Amino acid sequence: MSTQNPTEEKFSVALESIQSKRRMERVMEAANALLDRYSTQQDPDERLKLAFELIRRNFTPETAIVFGSLALGTDGLVGLAGSEAVPPVPPSGNRGKTLFHCKIRGRDGRNGTLTAFYTAPGSLGLTDDEWLTAMRLLAGIAGLGVGGHVTCPA
């Protein structure tokens, strides 16, 4: 049986909504920062490196990108036929609980993947759903940065 009255419950819902908005504003700031950095870098591989570092530092250290011969965050481990990004297992031996995986298609015929694992709340305090939304946004920017697109889960 709940001891909260309806006013307290409404206040709690409103507060969570405000906090969620603030967390997503931080995601948008990170996406804008990535786009700003892209404007100074024309090389697709360098742009992927920028995306990788932003994701690794701000969203999850369990991140890997493979694109053509470029492999970031894999510790030399690459999955199926050399085209699947696989981040190494953390020292704790436990992977993040939420998986994000998308395919990257470049305009030059190179393909690859971005794979990341996450456990909420992470450094930005994102929920699993918020993190997945942020990753779709950042992956989309990464795809555009290589002159192509990404195919991500809905």
N, C-alpha and C. Protein backbone atom coordinates (compact mmCIF):
# COMPACT_ATOMS: atom_id res chain seq x y z
N MET A 1 0.83 -1.18 0.00
CA MET A 1 0.00 0.00 0.00
C MET A 1 0.88 1.25 0.00
N SER A 2 0.58 2.19 -0.86
CA SER A 2 1.35 3.41 -0.99
C SER A 2 0.97 4.40 0.10
N THR A 3 1.99 5.03 0.68
CA THR A 3 1.74 6.04 1.70
C THR A 3 1.78 7.45 1.11
N GLN A 4 2.12 7.57 -0.16
CA GLN A 4 2.16 8.88 -0.79
C GLN A 4 0.75 9.34 -1.13
N ASN A 5 0.53 10.63 -0.98
CA ASN A 5 -0.77 11.14 -1.41
C ASN A 5 -0.67 11.55 -2.87
N PRO A 6 -1.78 11.80 -3.53
CA PRO A 6 -1.76 12.13 -4.96
C PRO A 6 -0.91 13.35 -5.30
N THR A 7 -0.87 14.35 -4.43
CA THR A 7 -0.07 15.54 -4.69
C THR A 7 1.41 15.20 -4.73
N GLU A 8 1.86 14.38 -3.79
CA GLU A 8 3.27 13.97 -3.77
C GLU A 8 3.61 13.15 -5.01
N GLU A 9 2.71 12.30 -5.45
CA GLU A 9 2.95 11.50 -6.66
C GLU A 9 3.05 12.39 -7.89
N LYS A 10 2.17 13.39 -8.00
CA LYS A 10 2.22 14.32 -9.13
C LYS A 10 3.52 15.12 -9.12
N PHE A 11 3.94 15.55 -7.93
CA PHE A 11 5.19 16.28 -7.81
C PHE A 11 6.37 15.42 -8.23
N SER A 12 6.35 14.16 -7.84
CA SER A 12 7.42 13.23 -8.19
C SER A 12 7.51 13.03 -9.71
N VAL A 13 6.35 12.88 -10.36
CA VAL A 13 6.32 12.71 -11.82
C VAL A 13 6.83 13.97 -12.51
N ALA A 14 6.42 15.14 -12.03
CA ALA A 14 6.86 16.41 -12.62
C ALA A 14 8.38 16.58 -12.45
N LEU A 15 8.89 16.25 -11.27
CA LEU A 15 10.32 16.37 -11.02
C LEU A 15 11.12 15.44 -11.93
N GLU A 16 10.67 14.20 -12.11
CA GLU A 16 11.35 13.26 -13.00
C GLU A 16 11.33 13.77 -14.43
N SER A 17 10.24 14.36 -14.84
CA SER A 17 10.15 14.92 -16.20
C SER A 17 11.16 16.04 -16.39
N ILE A 18 11.30 16.91 -15.42
CA ILE A 18 12.27 18.00 -15.50
C ILE A 18 13.69 17.45 -15.54
N GLN A 19 13.97 16.47 -14.70
CA GLN A 19 15.31 15.87 -14.68
C GLN A 19 15.62 15.18 -16.00
N SER A 20 14.64 14.49 -16.57
CA SER A 20 14.83 13.83 -17.86
C SER A 20 15.13 14.85 -18.94
N LYS A 21 14.43 15.97 -18.93
CA LYS A 21 14.67 17.03 -19.91
C LYS A 21 16.10 17.55 -19.78
N ARG A 22 16.57 17.74 -18.57
CA ARG A 22 17.94 18.23 -18.35
C ARG A 22 18.97 17.22 -18.84
N ARG A 23 18.70 15.94 -18.60
CA ARG A 23 19.64 14.91 -19.08
C ARG A 23 19.70 14.92 -20.61
N MET A 24 18.56 15.05 -21.26
CA MET A 24 18.54 15.07 -22.72
C MET A 24 19.17 16.36 -23.27
N GLU A 25 19.08 17.45 -22.53
CA GLU A 25 19.77 18.67 -22.94
C GLU A 25 21.28 18.45 -22.96
N ARG A 26 21.80 17.68 -22.01
CA ARG A 26 23.24 17.37 -22.01
C ARG A 26 23.60 16.51 -23.21
N VAL A 27 22.70 15.61 -23.60
CA VAL A 27 22.93 14.80 -24.80
C VAL A 27 23.00 15.71 -26.03
N MET A 28 22.09 16.64 -26.13
CA MET A 28 22.07 17.56 -27.27
C MET A 28 23.34 18.42 -27.30
N GLU A 29 23.80 18.84 -26.14
CA GLU A 29 25.05 19.61 -26.07
C GLU A 29 26.22 18.77 -26.60
N ALA A 30 26.26 17.50 -26.23
CA ALA A 30 27.33 16.62 -26.71
C ALA A 30 27.23 16.43 -28.23
N ALA A 31 26.02 16.26 -28.74
CA ALA A 31 25.82 16.10 -30.18
C ALA A 31 26.26 17.37 -30.93
N ASN A 32 25.91 18.51 -30.40
CA ASN A 32 26.33 19.77 -31.03
C ASN A 32 27.84 19.94 -30.99
N ALA A 33 28.47 19.54 -29.88
CA ALA A 33 29.93 19.61 -29.79
C ALA A 33 30.57 18.71 -30.85
N LEU A 34 30.00 17.53 -31.05
CA LEU A 34 30.53 16.63 -32.07
C LEU A 34 30.40 17.26 -33.46
N LEU A 35 29.26 17.85 -33.75
CA LEU A 35 29.08 18.51 -35.05
C LEU A 35 30.06 19.67 -35.22
N ASP A 36 30.30 20.41 -34.16
CA ASP A 36 31.28 21.51 -34.23
C ASP A 36 32.67 20.97 -34.55
N ARG A 37 33.04 19.87 -33.94
CA ARG A 37 34.36 19.27 -34.21
C ARG A 37 34.44 18.74 -35.63
N TYR A 38 33.32 18.22 -36.14
CA TYR A 38 33.30 17.73 -37.53
C TYR A 38 33.61 18.84 -38.50
N SER A 39 33.20 20.07 -38.19
CA SER A 39 33.40 21.17 -39.13
C SER A 39 34.89 21.48 -39.35
N THR A 40 35.74 21.05 -38.42
CA THR A 40 37.17 21.29 -38.56
C THR A 40 37.91 20.07 -39.09
N GLN A 41 37.20 18.96 -39.31
CA GLN A 41 37.83 17.71 -39.74
C GLN A 41 37.07 17.12 -40.91
N GLN A 42 37.74 16.96 -42.05
CA GLN A 42 37.07 16.45 -43.24
C GLN A 42 37.28 14.95 -43.46
N ASP A 43 38.31 14.38 -42.85
CA ASP A 43 38.63 12.96 -43.04
C ASP A 43 37.60 12.09 -42.32
N PRO A 44 36.92 11.18 -43.04
CA PRO A 44 35.91 10.33 -42.42
C PRO A 44 36.44 9.49 -41.24
N ASP A 45 37.65 8.96 -41.35
CA ASP A 45 38.21 8.18 -40.24
C ASP A 45 38.42 9.05 -39.01
N GLU A 46 38.91 10.25 -39.22
CA GLU A 46 39.13 11.16 -38.09
C GLU A 46 37.80 11.56 -37.45
N ARG A 47 36.77 11.71 -38.27
CA ARG A 47 35.45 12.02 -37.73
C ARG A 47 34.92 10.86 -36.88
N LEU A 48 35.15 9.63 -37.33
CA LEU A 48 34.73 8.48 -36.52
C LEU A 48 35.51 8.42 -35.21
N LYS A 49 36.78 8.79 -35.27
CA LYS A 49 37.57 8.82 -34.04
C LYS A 49 37.00 9.84 -33.06
N LEU A 50 36.57 10.99 -33.57
CA LEU A 50 35.95 12.01 -32.72
C LEU A 50 34.67 11.48 -32.08
N ALA A 51 33.83 10.82 -32.89
CA ALA A 51 32.59 10.25 -32.37
C ALA A 51 32.88 9.18 -31.32
N PHE A 52 33.84 8.31 -31.61
CA PHE A 52 34.21 7.26 -30.67
C PHE A 52 34.65 7.85 -29.33
N GLU A 53 35.52 8.85 -29.37
CA GLU A 53 36.02 9.44 -28.12
C GLU A 53 34.91 10.12 -27.34
N LEU A 54 34.01 10.81 -28.02
CA LEU A 54 32.92 11.47 -27.34
C LEU A 54 32.02 10.44 -26.66
N ILE A 55 31.68 9.38 -27.37
CA ILE A 55 30.83 8.33 -26.79
C ILE A 55 31.54 7.64 -25.63
N ARG A 56 32.81 7.29 -25.83
CA ARG A 56 33.57 6.57 -24.80
C ARG A 56 33.71 7.40 -23.53
N ARG A 57 33.99 8.68 -23.69
CA ARG A 57 34.21 9.53 -22.52
C ARG A 57 32.92 9.93 -21.81
N ASN A 58 31.85 10.14 -22.55
CA ASN A 58 30.64 10.71 -21.97
C ASN A 58 29.46 9.76 -21.81
N PHE A 59 29.43 8.67 -22.58
CA PHE A 59 28.24 7.83 -22.57
C PHE A 59 28.50 6.41 -22.09
N THR A 60 29.61 5.82 -22.46
CA THR A 60 29.98 4.50 -21.95
C THR A 60 31.40 4.16 -22.42
N PRO A 61 32.21 3.63 -21.52
CA PRO A 61 33.54 3.20 -21.94
C PRO A 61 33.50 1.92 -22.78
N GLU A 62 32.39 1.20 -22.72
CA GLU A 62 32.25 -0.05 -23.48
C GLU A 62 31.74 0.26 -24.89
N THR A 63 32.62 0.81 -25.69
CA THR A 63 32.27 1.26 -27.03
C THR A 63 33.30 0.75 -28.02
N ALA A 64 32.84 0.35 -29.18
CA ALA A 64 33.76 -0.07 -30.25
C ALA A 64 33.16 0.34 -31.59
N ILE A 65 34.03 0.76 -32.49
CA ILE A 65 33.64 1.08 -33.86
C ILE A 65 34.61 0.38 -34.79
N VAL A 66 34.06 -0.30 -35.78
CA VAL A 66 34.86 -0.87 -36.86
C VAL A 66 34.28 -0.30 -38.14
N PHE A 67 35.16 0.22 -39.00
CA PHE A 67 34.71 0.79 -40.27
C PHE A 67 35.83 0.57 -41.28
N GLY A 68 35.60 -0.33 -42.21
CA GLY A 68 36.67 -0.70 -43.14
C GLY A 68 37.83 -1.27 -42.34
N SER A 69 39.02 -0.70 -42.53
CA SER A 69 40.20 -1.18 -41.80
C SER A 69 40.39 -0.48 -40.46
N LEU A 70 39.56 0.50 -40.14
CA LEU A 70 39.64 1.22 -38.88
C LEU A 70 38.94 0.43 -37.78
N ALA A 71 39.63 0.20 -36.67
CA ALA A 71 39.05 -0.51 -35.52
C ALA A 71 39.36 0.29 -34.26
N LEU A 72 38.32 0.78 -33.59
CA LEU A 72 38.47 1.59 -32.39
C LEU A 72 37.81 0.89 -31.21
N GLY A 73 38.52 0.78 -30.10
CA GLY A 73 37.95 0.22 -28.90
C GLY A 73 37.76 -1.28 -28.92
N THR A 74 38.45 -1.97 -29.80
CA THR A 74 38.26 -3.41 -29.91
C THR A 74 39.38 -4.22 -29.27
N ASP A 75 40.47 -3.58 -28.88
CA ASP A 75 41.65 -4.29 -28.37
C ASP A 75 42.08 -5.40 -29.33
N GLY A 76 41.90 -5.13 -30.61
CA GLY A 76 42.30 -6.10 -31.62
C GLY A 76 41.28 -7.20 -31.85
N LEU A 77 40.19 -7.19 -31.08
CA LEU A 77 39.15 -8.21 -31.23
C LEU A 77 38.07 -7.68 -32.15
N VAL A 78 37.85 -8.35 -33.24
CA VAL A 78 36.81 -7.96 -34.18
C VAL A 78 35.96 -9.19 -34.44
N GLY A 79 34.66 -8.98 -34.52
CA GLY A 79 33.73 -10.09 -34.67
C GLY A 79 33.63 -10.62 -36.08
N LEU A 80 32.44 -10.96 -36.48
CA LEU A 80 32.15 -11.64 -37.73
C LEU A 80 32.81 -11.02 -38.94
N ALA A 81 33.61 -11.78 -39.62
CA ALA A 81 34.24 -11.39 -40.89
C ALA A 81 34.94 -10.04 -40.80
N GLY A 82 35.39 -9.67 -39.61
CA GLY A 82 36.12 -8.43 -39.46
C GLY A 82 35.28 -7.17 -39.55
N SER A 83 33.95 -7.29 -39.59
CA SER A 83 33.14 -6.09 -39.75
C SER A 83 32.25 -5.78 -38.55
N GLU A 84 32.33 -6.55 -37.50
CA GLU A 84 31.50 -6.32 -36.32
C GLU A 84 32.35 -5.78 -35.18
N ALA A 85 32.00 -4.60 -34.67
CA ALA A 85 32.71 -4.01 -33.55
C ALA A 85 32.34 -4.73 -32.27
N VAL A 86 33.35 -5.15 -31.50
CA VAL A 86 33.12 -5.85 -30.23
C VAL A 86 34.01 -5.22 -29.17
N PRO A 87 33.41 -4.44 -28.24
CA PRO A 87 34.24 -3.88 -27.17
C PRO A 87 34.74 -4.98 -26.25
N PRO A 88 35.94 -4.81 -25.69
CA PRO A 88 36.44 -5.83 -24.77
C PRO A 88 35.59 -5.89 -23.50
N VAL A 89 35.60 -7.02 -22.85
CA VAL A 89 34.89 -7.18 -21.58
C VAL A 89 35.63 -6.35 -20.53
N PRO A 90 34.90 -5.56 -19.73
CA PRO A 90 35.55 -4.74 -18.70
C PRO A 90 36.31 -5.60 -17.68
N PRO A 91 37.25 -4.99 -16.96
CA PRO A 91 38.01 -5.72 -15.95
C PRO A 91 37.13 -6.43 -14.92
N SER A 92 35.95 -5.87 -14.65
CA SER A 92 35.05 -6.51 -13.68
C SER A 92 34.49 -7.82 -14.21
N GLY A 93 34.58 -8.02 -15.53
CA GLY A 93 34.05 -9.23 -16.14
C GLY A 93 32.57 -9.12 -16.49
N ASN A 94 31.96 -8.00 -16.15
CA ASN A 94 30.53 -7.81 -16.41
C ASN A 94 30.31 -6.75 -17.48
N ARG A 95 29.61 -7.13 -18.52
CA ARG A 95 29.23 -6.18 -19.57
C ARG A 95 28.08 -5.32 -19.08
N GLY A 96 27.91 -4.18 -19.75
CA GLY A 96 26.75 -3.35 -19.49
C GLY A 96 25.48 -4.12 -19.78
N LYS A 97 24.39 -3.70 -19.16
CA LYS A 97 23.12 -4.43 -19.28
C LYS A 97 22.37 -4.11 -20.57
N THR A 98 22.59 -2.94 -21.13
CA THR A 98 21.85 -2.52 -22.31
C THR A 98 22.80 -2.50 -23.51
N LEU A 99 22.39 -3.11 -24.59
CA LEU A 99 23.21 -3.22 -25.80
C LEU A 99 22.69 -2.28 -26.88
N PHE A 100 23.63 -1.58 -27.53
CA PHE A 100 23.32 -0.78 -28.72
C PHE A 100 24.22 -1.29 -29.83
N HIS A 101 23.65 -1.53 -30.99
CA HIS A 101 24.43 -2.02 -32.12
C HIS A 101 23.82 -1.46 -33.40
N CYS A 102 24.65 -0.88 -34.24
CA CYS A 102 24.14 -0.38 -35.52
C CYS A 102 25.18 -0.61 -36.61
N LYS A 103 24.71 -0.63 -37.83
CA LYS A 103 25.57 -0.79 -39.00
C LYS A 103 25.86 0.58 -39.59
N ILE A 104 27.11 0.79 -39.98
CA ILE A 104 27.54 2.04 -40.61
C ILE A 104 27.81 1.74 -42.07
N ARG A 105 27.24 2.52 -42.94
CA ARG A 105 27.46 2.39 -44.39
C ARG A 105 28.06 3.69 -44.90
N GLY A 106 29.27 3.61 -45.44
CA GLY A 106 29.93 4.79 -45.98
C GLY A 106 29.66 4.94 -47.46
N ARG A 107 29.83 6.14 -47.96
CA ARG A 107 29.58 6.36 -49.39
C ARG A 107 30.67 5.76 -50.26
N ASP A 108 31.82 5.50 -49.65
CA ASP A 108 32.95 4.96 -50.42
C ASP A 108 32.94 3.43 -50.49
N GLY A 109 31.85 2.81 -50.06
CA GLY A 109 31.75 1.35 -50.10
C GLY A 109 32.21 0.66 -48.84
N ARG A 110 32.84 1.40 -47.93
CA ARG A 110 33.25 0.79 -46.66
C ARG A 110 32.04 0.67 -45.75
N ASN A 111 32.04 -0.40 -44.98
CA ASN A 111 30.96 -0.65 -44.03
C ASN A 111 31.56 -0.97 -42.68
N GLY A 112 30.73 -0.94 -41.67
CA GLY A 112 31.20 -1.29 -40.34
C GLY A 112 30.06 -1.28 -39.35
N THR A 113 30.43 -1.25 -38.08
CA THR A 113 29.44 -1.24 -37.01
C THR A 113 29.91 -0.39 -35.84
N LEU A 114 28.94 0.02 -35.05
CA LEU A 114 29.18 0.66 -33.77
C LEU A 114 28.44 -0.18 -32.74
N THR A 115 29.14 -0.62 -31.72
CA THR A 115 28.56 -1.43 -30.66
C THR A 115 28.93 -0.82 -29.32
N ALA A 116 27.96 -0.75 -28.41
CA ALA A 116 28.23 -0.22 -27.08
C ALA A 116 27.32 -0.93 -26.07
N PHE A 117 27.80 -1.01 -24.85
CA PHE A 117 27.05 -1.58 -23.73
C PHE A 117 26.94 -0.51 -22.65
N TYR A 118 25.85 -0.54 -21.90
CA TYR A 118 25.58 0.51 -20.91
C TYR A 118 24.85 -0.06 -19.71
N THR A 119 25.19 0.48 -18.55
CA THR A 119 24.44 0.21 -17.33
C THR A 119 24.04 1.55 -16.73
N ALA A 120 22.74 1.77 -16.59
CA ALA A 120 22.24 3.02 -16.01
C ALA A 120 22.68 3.12 -14.55
N PRO A 121 22.95 4.32 -14.05
CA PRO A 121 22.67 5.60 -14.65
C PRO A 121 23.84 6.18 -15.44
N GLY A 122 25.01 5.60 -15.40
CA GLY A 122 26.15 6.11 -16.15
C GLY A 122 26.54 7.51 -15.70
N SER A 123 27.53 8.09 -16.37
CA SER A 123 28.07 9.38 -15.95
C SER A 123 27.10 10.54 -16.16
N LEU A 124 26.16 10.42 -17.10
CA LEU A 124 25.19 11.50 -17.34
C LEU A 124 23.85 11.24 -16.65
N GLY A 125 23.72 10.12 -15.98
CA GLY A 125 22.49 9.81 -15.27
C GLY A 125 21.35 9.39 -16.17
N LEU A 126 21.65 8.95 -17.39
CA LEU A 126 20.61 8.58 -18.35
C LEU A 126 19.97 7.25 -17.99
N THR A 127 18.67 7.16 -18.24
CA THR A 127 17.98 5.88 -18.14
C THR A 127 18.39 5.05 -19.36
N ASP A 128 18.05 3.78 -19.36
CA ASP A 128 18.37 2.94 -20.52
C ASP A 128 17.73 3.48 -21.79
N ASP A 129 16.45 3.88 -21.72
CA ASP A 129 15.78 4.41 -22.91
C ASP A 129 16.40 5.71 -23.38
N GLU A 130 16.76 6.59 -22.45
CA GLU A 130 17.40 7.85 -22.83
C GLU A 130 18.75 7.58 -23.48
N TRP A 131 19.49 6.62 -22.93
CA TRP A 131 20.80 6.29 -23.49
C TRP A 131 20.67 5.75 -24.91
N LEU A 132 19.70 4.86 -25.13
CA LEU A 132 19.49 4.32 -26.47
C LEU A 132 19.13 5.43 -27.46
N THR A 133 18.31 6.38 -27.03
CA THR A 133 17.96 7.51 -27.88
C THR A 133 19.21 8.34 -28.20
N ALA A 134 20.03 8.58 -27.18
CA ALA A 134 21.27 9.34 -27.38
C ALA A 134 22.20 8.61 -28.34
N MET A 135 22.30 7.30 -28.19
CA MET A 135 23.19 6.54 -29.07
C MET A 135 22.70 6.55 -30.51
N ARG A 136 21.39 6.49 -30.73
CA ARG A 136 20.87 6.58 -32.11
C ARG A 136 21.21 7.93 -32.72
N LEU A 137 21.09 9.00 -31.93
CA LEU A 137 21.45 10.33 -32.41
C LEU A 137 22.93 10.41 -32.76
N LEU A 138 23.79 9.98 -31.86
CA LEU A 138 25.24 10.05 -32.09
C LEU A 138 25.68 9.14 -33.22
N ALA A 139 25.08 7.96 -33.31
CA ALA A 139 25.41 7.06 -34.41
C ALA A 139 24.99 7.68 -35.75
N GLY A 140 23.84 8.34 -35.78
CA GLY A 140 23.40 9.01 -37.00
C GLY A 140 24.37 10.09 -37.42
N ILE A 141 24.88 10.84 -36.46
CA ILE A 141 25.88 11.87 -36.76
C ILE A 141 27.15 11.21 -37.27
N ALA A 142 27.56 10.09 -36.66
CA ALA A 142 28.75 9.37 -37.12
C ALA A 142 28.57 8.91 -38.57
N GLY A 143 27.39 8.39 -38.89
CA GLY A 143 27.12 7.95 -40.27
C GLY A 143 27.20 9.09 -41.26
N LEU A 144 26.64 10.22 -40.90
CA LEU A 144 26.71 11.38 -41.79
C LEU A 144 28.17 11.86 -41.92
N GLY A 145 28.92 11.72 -40.85
CA GLY A 145 30.32 12.15 -40.86
C GLY A 145 31.19 11.37 -41.82
N VAL A 146 30.79 10.15 -42.16
CA VAL A 146 31.55 9.36 -43.13
C VAL A 146 30.89 9.42 -44.51
N GLY A 147 29.93 10.35 -44.63
CA GLY A 147 29.27 10.52 -45.93
C GLY A 147 28.26 9.45 -46.24
N GLY A 148 27.81 8.75 -45.25
CA GLY A 148 26.86 7.68 -45.46
C GLY A 148 25.70 7.76 -44.50
N HIS A 149 25.33 6.60 -43.95
CA HIS A 149 24.23 6.55 -43.00
C HIS A 149 24.41 5.33 -42.11
N VAL A 150 23.55 5.25 -41.10
CA VAL A 150 23.57 4.11 -40.19
C VAL A 150 22.19 3.45 -40.17
N THR A 151 22.18 2.18 -39.84
CA THR A 151 20.95 1.45 -39.61
C THR A 151 20.99 1.00 -38.17
N CYS A 152 20.09 1.58 -37.35
CA CYS A 152 20.08 1.30 -35.93
C CYS A 152 18.75 0.69 -35.52
N PRO A 153 18.73 0.01 -34.38
CA PRO A 153 17.47 -0.52 -33.88
C PRO A 153 16.52 0.62 -33.54
N ALA A 154 15.26 0.34 -33.64
CA ALA A 154 14.24 1.37 -33.34
C ALA A 154 14.11 1.64 -31.87
